[in-house]
Protein backbone atom coordinates (compact mmCIF):
# COMPACT_ATOMS: atom_id res chain seq x y z
CA UNK A 1 0.00 0.00 0.00
CA UNK A 2 2.61 2.54 1.11
CA UNK A 3 6.30 2.40 0.30
CA UNK A 4 8.39 2.09 3.45
CA UNK A 5 10.54 5.09 4.24
CA UNK A 6 11.47 4.43 7.89
CA UNK A 7 14.56 2.51 8.95
CA UNK A 8 14.83 0.23 11.96
CA UNK A 9 16.41 2.80 14.28
CA UNK A 10 13.89 5.46 13.27
CA UNK A 11 11.01 3.06 13.94
CA UNK A 12 12.42 2.06 17.35
CA UNK A 13 12.77 5.71 18.39
CA UNK A 14 9.20 6.39 17.29
CA UNK A 15 7.90 3.48 19.38
CA UNK A 16 9.73 4.73 22.47
CA UNK A 17 8.54 8.32 22.00
CA UNK A 18 4.99 7.16 21.29
CA UNK A 19 4.84 5.03 24.42
CA UNK A 20 6.32 7.84 26.51
CA UNK A 21 3.67 10.26 25.25
CA UNK A 22 0.89 7.72 25.81
CA UNK A 23 2.04 7.29 29.39
CA UNK A 24 1.00 10.91 30.02
CA UNK A 25 -2.58 9.67 30.04
CA UNK A 26 -1.97 7.43 33.06
CA UNK A 27 1.03 8.96 34.86
CA UNK A 28 2.10 12.52 35.48
CA UNK A 29 -0.31 15.26 34.43
CA UNK A 30 -2.96 12.68 33.33
CA UNK A 31 -3.94 14.68 30.28
CA UNK A 32 -5.56 13.55 27.05
CA UNK A 33 -2.75 15.26 25.12
CA UNK A 34 -0.90 11.98 25.57
CA UNK A 35 -3.03 10.55 22.75
CA UNK A 36 -0.74 12.40 20.38
CA UNK A 37 1.62 9.50 21.04
CA UNK A 38 -0.50 7.40 18.70
CA UNK A 39 0.96 9.26 15.71
CA UNK A 40 4.55 8.05 16.12
CA UNK A 41 3.32 4.57 17.09
CA UNK A 42 1.18 4.22 13.97
CA UNK A 43 3.92 5.51 11.69
CA UNK A 44 6.37 3.05 13.28
CA UNK A 45 4.01 0.10 12.81
CA UNK A 46 3.17 1.03 9.21
CA UNK A 47 6.77 1.93 8.37
CA UNK A 48 5.79 5.05 6.48
CA UNK A 49 5.86 8.68 7.58
CA UNK A 50 3.79 11.05 5.44
CA UNK A 51 6.02 14.00 6.38
CA UNK A 52 9.08 12.08 5.20
CA UNK A 53 7.31 11.37 1.91
CA UNK A 54 6.58 15.06 1.37
CA UNK A 55 10.16 16.03 2.15
CA UNK A 56 11.71 13.16 0.18
CA UNK A 57 13.46 11.64 3.21
CA UNK A 58 14.07 7.91 3.36
CA UNK A 59 15.88 6.26 6.29
CA UNK A 60 15.40 2.62 5.27
CA UNK A 61 18.04 0.79 3.26
CA UNK A 62 15.80 -0.73 0.59
PDB file of N, CA and C in Angstrom:
ATOM      1  N   UNK A   1       0.834  -1.184   0.000  1.00  0.00           N
ATOM      2  CA  UNK A   1       0.000   0.000   0.000  1.00  0.00           C
ATOM      3  C   UNK A   1       0.880   1.248   0.000  1.00  0.00           C
ATOM      4  N   UNK A   2       1.687   1.417   1.031  1.00  0.00           N
ATOM      5  CA  UNK A   2       2.614   2.539   1.108  1.00  0.00           C
ATOM      6  C   UNK A   2       4.033   2.018   0.995  1.00  0.00           C
ATOM      7  N   UNK A   3       4.884   2.765   0.344  1.00  0.00           N
ATOM      8  CA  UNK A   3       6.298   2.397   0.296  1.00  0.00           C
ATOM      9  C   UNK A   3       6.929   2.736   1.638  1.00  0.00           C
ATOM     10  N   UNK A   4       7.742   1.849   2.159  1.00  0.00           N
ATOM     11  CA  UNK A   4       8.391   2.092   3.448  1.00  0.00           C
ATOM     12  C   UNK A   4       9.453   3.164   3.292  1.00  0.00           C
ATOM     13  N   UNK A   5       9.497   4.071   4.246  1.00  0.00           N
ATOM     14  CA  UNK A   5      10.540   5.089   4.240  1.00  0.00           C
ATOM     15  C   UNK A   5      11.168   5.281   5.616  1.00  0.00           C
ATOM     16  N   UNK A   6      10.898   4.356   6.548  1.00  0.00           N
ATOM     17  CA  UNK A   6      11.469   4.428   7.888  1.00  0.00           C
ATOM     18  C   UNK A   6      12.406   3.250   8.128  1.00  0.00           C
ATOM     19  N   UNK A   7      13.597   3.551   8.596  1.00  0.00           N
ATOM     20  CA  UNK A   7      14.558   2.510   8.946  1.00  0.00           C
ATOM     21  C   UNK A   7      14.278   1.939  10.325  1.00  0.00           C
ATOM     22  N   UNK A   8      15.040   0.928  10.697  1.00  0.00           N
ATOM     23  CA  UNK A   8      14.828   0.226  11.964  1.00  0.00           C
ATOM     24  C   UNK A   8      15.053   1.139  13.168  1.00  0.00           C
ATOM     25  N   UNK A   9      16.130   1.899  13.154  1.00  0.00           N
ATOM     26  CA  UNK A   9      16.408   2.795  14.275  1.00  0.00           C
ATOM     27  C   UNK A   9      15.339   3.869  14.396  1.00  0.00           C
ATOM     28  N   UNK A  10      14.927   4.426  13.280  1.00  0.00           N
ATOM     29  CA  UNK A  10      13.888   5.457  13.268  1.00  0.00           C
ATOM     30  C   UNK A  10      12.579   4.902  13.833  1.00  0.00           C
ATOM     31  N   UNK A  11      12.237   3.679  13.445  1.00  0.00           N
ATOM     32  CA  UNK A  11      11.006   3.060  13.941  1.00  0.00           C
ATOM     33  C   UNK A  11      11.088   2.791  15.440  1.00  0.00           C
ATOM     34  N   UNK A  12      12.250   2.335  15.924  1.00  0.00           N
ATOM     35  CA  UNK A  12      12.417   2.064  17.353  1.00  0.00           C
ATOM     36  C   UNK A  12      12.280   3.342  18.174  1.00  0.00           C
ATOM     37  N   UNK A  13      12.871   4.417  17.687  1.00  0.00           N
ATOM     38  CA  UNK A  13      12.765   5.707  18.386  1.00  0.00           C
ATOM     39  C   UNK A  13      11.317   6.173  18.425  1.00  0.00           C
ATOM     40  N   UNK A  14      10.606   5.990  17.327  1.00  0.00           N
ATOM     41  CA  UNK A  14       9.196   6.391  17.292  1.00  0.00           C
ATOM     42  C   UNK A  14       8.343   5.584  18.270  1.00  0.00           C
ATOM     43  N   UNK A  15       8.636   4.301  18.421  1.00  0.00           N
ATOM     44  CA  UNK A  15       7.895   3.476  19.384  1.00  0.00           C
ATOM     45  C   UNK A  15       8.146   3.974  20.805  1.00  0.00           C
ATOM     46  N   UNK A  16       9.391   4.253  21.127  1.00  0.00           N
ATOM     47  CA  UNK A  16       9.734   4.731  22.474  1.00  0.00           C
ATOM     48  C   UNK A  16       9.066   6.075  22.755  1.00  0.00           C
ATOM     49  N   UNK A  17       9.158   6.997  21.816  1.00  0.00           N
ATOM     50  CA  UNK A  17       8.541   8.321  21.997  1.00  0.00           C
ATOM     51  C   UNK A  17       7.025   8.190  22.095  1.00  0.00           C
ATOM     52  N   UNK A  18       6.442   7.359  21.257  1.00  0.00           N
ATOM     53  CA  UNK A  18       4.994   7.164  21.289  1.00  0.00           C
ATOM     54  C   UNK A  18       4.511   6.603  22.613  1.00  0.00           C
ATOM     55  N   UNK A  19       5.227   5.598  23.128  1.00  0.00           N
ATOM     56  CA  UNK A  19       4.837   5.028  24.423  1.00  0.00           C
ATOM     57  C   UNK A  19       5.035   6.024  25.555  1.00  0.00           C
ATOM     58  N   UNK A  20       6.092   6.826  25.476  1.00  0.00           N
ATOM     59  CA  UNK A  20       6.322   7.843  26.509  1.00  0.00           C
ATOM     60  C   UNK A  20       5.190   8.875  26.502  1.00  0.00           C
ATOM     61  N   UNK A  21       4.774   9.288  25.324  1.00  0.00           N
ATOM     62  CA  UNK A  21       3.673  10.256  25.248  1.00  0.00           C
ATOM     63  C   UNK A  21       2.353   9.644  25.707  1.00  0.00           C
ATOM     64  N   UNK A  22       2.114   8.386  25.356  1.00  0.00           N
ATOM     65  CA  UNK A  22       0.892   7.722  25.809  1.00  0.00           C
ATOM     66  C   UNK A  22       0.855   7.551  27.320  1.00  0.00           C
ATOM     67  N   UNK A  23       2.008   7.438  27.938  1.00  0.00           N
ATOM     68  CA  UNK A  23       2.039   7.286  29.395  1.00  0.00           C
ATOM     69  C   UNK A  23       1.533   8.541  30.108  1.00  0.00           C
ATOM     70  N   UNK A  24       1.521   9.674  29.411  1.00  0.00           N
ATOM     71  CA  UNK A  24       1.001  10.910  30.020  1.00  0.00           C
ATOM     72  C   UNK A  24      -0.482  10.805  30.354  1.00  0.00           C
ATOM     73  N   UNK A  25      -1.167   9.857  29.740  1.00  0.00           N
ATOM     74  CA  UNK A  25      -2.583   9.667  30.042  1.00  0.00           C
ATOM     75  C   UNK A  25      -2.758   9.049  31.424  1.00  0.00           C
ATOM     76  N   UNK A  26      -1.824   8.188  31.813  1.00  0.00           N
ATOM     77  CA  UNK A  26      -1.967   7.430  33.055  1.00  0.00           C
ATOM     78  C   UNK A  26      -1.079   7.925  34.189  1.00  0.00           C
ATOM     79  N   UNK A  27       0.051   8.528  33.864  1.00  0.00           N
ATOM     80  CA  UNK A  27       1.029   8.963  34.863  1.00  0.00           C
ATOM     81  C   UNK A  27       1.330  10.439  34.621  1.00  0.00           C
ATOM     82  N   UNK A  28       1.718  11.120  35.641  1.00  0.00           N
ATOM     83  CA  UNK A  28       2.098  12.519  35.482  1.00  0.00           C
ATOM     84  C   UNK A  28       0.888  13.423  35.450  1.00  0.00           C
ATOM     85  N   UNK A  29       0.795  14.289  34.450  1.00  0.00           N
ATOM     86  CA  UNK A  29      -0.306  15.257  34.433  1.00  0.00           C
ATOM     87  C   UNK A  29      -1.672  14.639  34.120  1.00  0.00           C
ATOM     88  N   UNK A  30      -1.710  13.383  33.667  1.00  0.00           N
ATOM     89  CA  UNK A  30      -2.957  12.680  33.331  1.00  0.00           C
ATOM     90  C   UNK A  30      -3.825  13.511  32.390  1.00  0.00           C
ATOM     91  N   UNK A  31      -3.250  13.865  31.267  1.00  0.00           N
ATOM     92  CA  UNK A  31      -3.938  14.675  30.278  1.00  0.00           C
ATOM     93  C   UNK A  31      -4.181  13.873  29.009  1.00  0.00           C
ATOM     94  N   UNK A  32      -5.221  14.236  28.289  1.00  0.00           N
ATOM     95  CA  UNK A  32      -5.563  13.554  27.046  1.00  0.00           C
ATOM     96  C   UNK A  32      -4.612  13.924  25.911  1.00  0.00           C
ATOM     97  N   UNK A  33      -3.751  14.907  26.127  1.00  0.00           N
ATOM     98  CA  UNK A  33      -2.755  15.265  25.124  1.00  0.00           C
ATOM     99  C   UNK A  33      -1.797  14.110  24.857  1.00  0.00           C
ATOM    100  N   UNK A  34      -1.749  13.156  25.759  1.00  0.00           N
ATOM    101  CA  UNK A  34      -0.905  11.984  25.570  1.00  0.00           C
ATOM    102  C   UNK A  34      -1.324  11.134  24.378  1.00  0.00           C
ATOM    103  N   UNK A  35      -2.564  11.298  23.923  1.00  0.00           N
ATOM    104  CA  UNK A  35      -3.028  10.547  22.754  1.00  0.00           C
ATOM    105  C   UNK A  35      -2.254  10.913  21.493  1.00  0.00           C
ATOM    106  N   UNK A  36      -1.568  12.022  21.521  1.00  0.00           N
ATOM    107  CA  UNK A  36      -0.737  12.402  20.378  1.00  0.00           C
ATOM    108  C   UNK A  36       0.371  11.375  20.159  1.00  0.00           C
ATOM    109  N   UNK A  37       0.641  10.561  21.164  1.00  0.00           N
ATOM    110  CA  UNK A  37       1.624   9.504  21.044  1.00  0.00           C
ATOM    111  C   UNK A  37       1.214   8.403  20.071  1.00  0.00           C
ATOM    112  N   UNK A  38      -0.047   8.377  19.690  1.00  0.00           N
ATOM    113  CA  UNK A  38      -0.499   7.400  18.705  1.00  0.00           C
ATOM    114  C   UNK A  38       0.098   7.667  17.327  1.00  0.00           C
ATOM    115  N   UNK A  39       0.400   8.914  17.031  1.00  0.00           N
ATOM    116  CA  UNK A  39       0.957   9.261  15.710  1.00  0.00           C
ATOM    117  C   UNK A  39       2.306   8.580  15.483  1.00  0.00           C
ATOM    118  N   UNK A  40       3.292   8.752  16.376  1.00  0.00           N
ATOM    119  CA  UNK A  40       4.551   8.054  16.120  1.00  0.00           C
ATOM    120  C   UNK A  40       4.422   6.531  16.195  1.00  0.00           C
ATOM    121  N   UNK A  41       3.507   6.025  17.026  1.00  0.00           N
ATOM    122  CA  UNK A  41       3.317   4.573  17.091  1.00  0.00           C
ATOM    123  C   UNK A  41       2.761   4.023  15.780  1.00  0.00           C
ATOM    124  N   UNK A  42       1.783   4.685  15.233  1.00  0.00           N
ATOM    125  CA  UNK A  42       1.182   4.219  13.974  1.00  0.00           C
ATOM    126  C   UNK A  42       2.182   4.307  12.837  1.00  0.00           C
ATOM    127  N   UNK A  43       2.936   5.394  12.768  1.00  0.00           N
ATOM    128  CA  UNK A  43       3.921   5.510  11.690  1.00  0.00           C
ATOM    129  C   UNK A  43       5.010   4.451  11.835  1.00  0.00           C
ATOM    130  N   UNK A  44       5.361   4.090  13.065  1.00  0.00           N
ATOM    131  CA  UNK A  44       6.372   3.049  13.277  1.00  0.00           C
ATOM    132  C   UNK A  44       5.840   1.684  12.849  1.00  0.00           C
ATOM    133  N   UNK A  45       4.596   1.391  13.160  1.00  0.00           N
ATOM    134  CA  UNK A  45       4.014   0.098  12.808  1.00  0.00           C
ATOM    135  C   UNK A  45       3.850  -0.016  11.288  1.00  0.00           C
ATOM    136  N   UNK A  46       3.391   1.046  10.657  1.00  0.00           N
ATOM    137  CA  UNK A  46       3.170   1.035   9.212  1.00  0.00           C
ATOM    138  C   UNK A  46       4.496   1.096   8.467  1.00  0.00           C
ATOM    139  N   UNK A  47       5.467   1.806   9.027  1.00  0.00           N
ATOM    140  CA  UNK A  47       6.771   1.934   8.374  1.00  0.00           C
ATOM    141  C   UNK A  47       6.843   3.068   7.387  1.00  0.00           C
ATOM    142  N   UNK A  48       5.841   3.928   7.414  1.00  0.00           N
ATOM    143  CA  UNK A  48       5.794   5.048   6.485  1.00  0.00           C
ATOM    144  C   UNK A  48       5.412   6.310   7.229  1.00  0.00           C
ATOM    145  N   UNK A  49       6.164   7.376   6.993  1.00  0.00           N
ATOM    146  CA  UNK A  49       5.863   8.675   7.583  1.00  0.00           C
ATOM    147  C   UNK A  49       5.454   9.619   6.454  1.00  0.00           C
ATOM    148  N   UNK A  50       4.232  10.147   6.494  1.00  0.00           N
ATOM    149  CA  UNK A  50       3.787  11.048   5.436  1.00  0.00           C
ATOM    150  C   UNK A  50       4.654  12.306   5.321  1.00  0.00           C
ATOM    151  N   UNK A  51       5.152  12.814   6.429  1.00  0.00           N
ATOM    152  CA  UNK A  51       6.019  14.001   6.377  1.00  0.00           C
ATOM    153  C   UNK A  51       7.329  13.677   5.661  1.00  0.00           C
ATOM    154  N   UNK A  52       7.866  12.497   5.904  1.00  0.00           N
ATOM    155  CA  UNK A  52       9.084  12.076   5.204  1.00  0.00           C
ATOM    156  C   UNK A  52       8.827  11.975   3.698  1.00  0.00           C
ATOM    157  N   UNK A  53       7.649  11.483   3.327  1.00  0.00           N
ATOM    158  CA  UNK A  53       7.314  11.368   1.912  1.00  0.00           C
ATOM    159  C   UNK A  53       7.260  12.734   1.245  1.00  0.00           C
ATOM    160  N   UNK A  54       6.660  13.698   1.921  1.00  0.00           N
ATOM    161  CA  UNK A  54       6.582  15.056   1.368  1.00  0.00           C
ATOM    162  C   UNK A  54       7.945  15.703   1.225  1.00  0.00           C
ATOM    163  N   UNK A  55       8.832  15.430   2.173  1.00  0.00           N
ATOM    164  CA  UNK A  55      10.164  16.034   2.154  1.00  0.00           C
ATOM    165  C   UNK A  55      11.193  15.208   1.374  1.00  0.00           C
ATOM    166  N   UNK A  56      10.797  14.010   0.939  1.00  0.00           N
ATOM    167  CA  UNK A  56      11.712  13.162   0.181  1.00  0.00           C
ATOM    168  C   UNK A  56      12.780  12.491   1.013  1.00  0.00           C
ATOM    169  N   UNK A  57      12.502  12.296   2.292  1.00  0.00           N
ATOM    170  CA  UNK A  57      13.461  11.645   3.208  1.00  0.00           C
ATOM    171  C   UNK A  57      13.168  10.162   3.252  1.00  0.00           C
ATOM    172  N   UNK A  58      14.219   9.354   3.264  1.00  0.00           N
ATOM    173  CA  UNK A  58      14.073   7.908   3.358  1.00  0.00           C
ATOM    174  C   UNK A  58      15.202   7.372   4.227  1.00  0.00           C
ATOM    175  N   UNK A  59      14.860   6.762   5.374  1.00  0.00           N
ATOM    176  CA  UNK A  59      15.878   6.262   6.288  1.00  0.00           C
ATOM    177  C   UNK A  59      16.046   4.749   6.218  1.00  0.00           C
ATOM    178  N   UNK A  60      15.242   4.070   5.400  1.00  0.00           N
ATOM    179  CA  UNK A  60      15.403   2.625   5.269  1.00  0.00           C
ATOM    180  C   UNK A  60      16.408   2.328   4.155  1.00  0.00           C
ATOM    181  N   UNK A  61      16.989   1.138   4.212  1.00  0.00           N
ATOM    182  CA  UNK A  61      18.041   0.786   3.258  1.00  0.00           C
ATOM    183  C   UNK A  61      17.476   0.375   1.904  1.00  0.00           C
ATOM    184  N   UNK A  62      16.312  -0.254   1.876  1.00  0.00           N
ATOM    185  CA  UNK A  62      15.797  -0.731   0.590  1.00  0.00           C
ATOM    186  C   UNK A  62      14.764   0.193   0.000  1.00  0.00           C
TER     187      UNK A  62
END
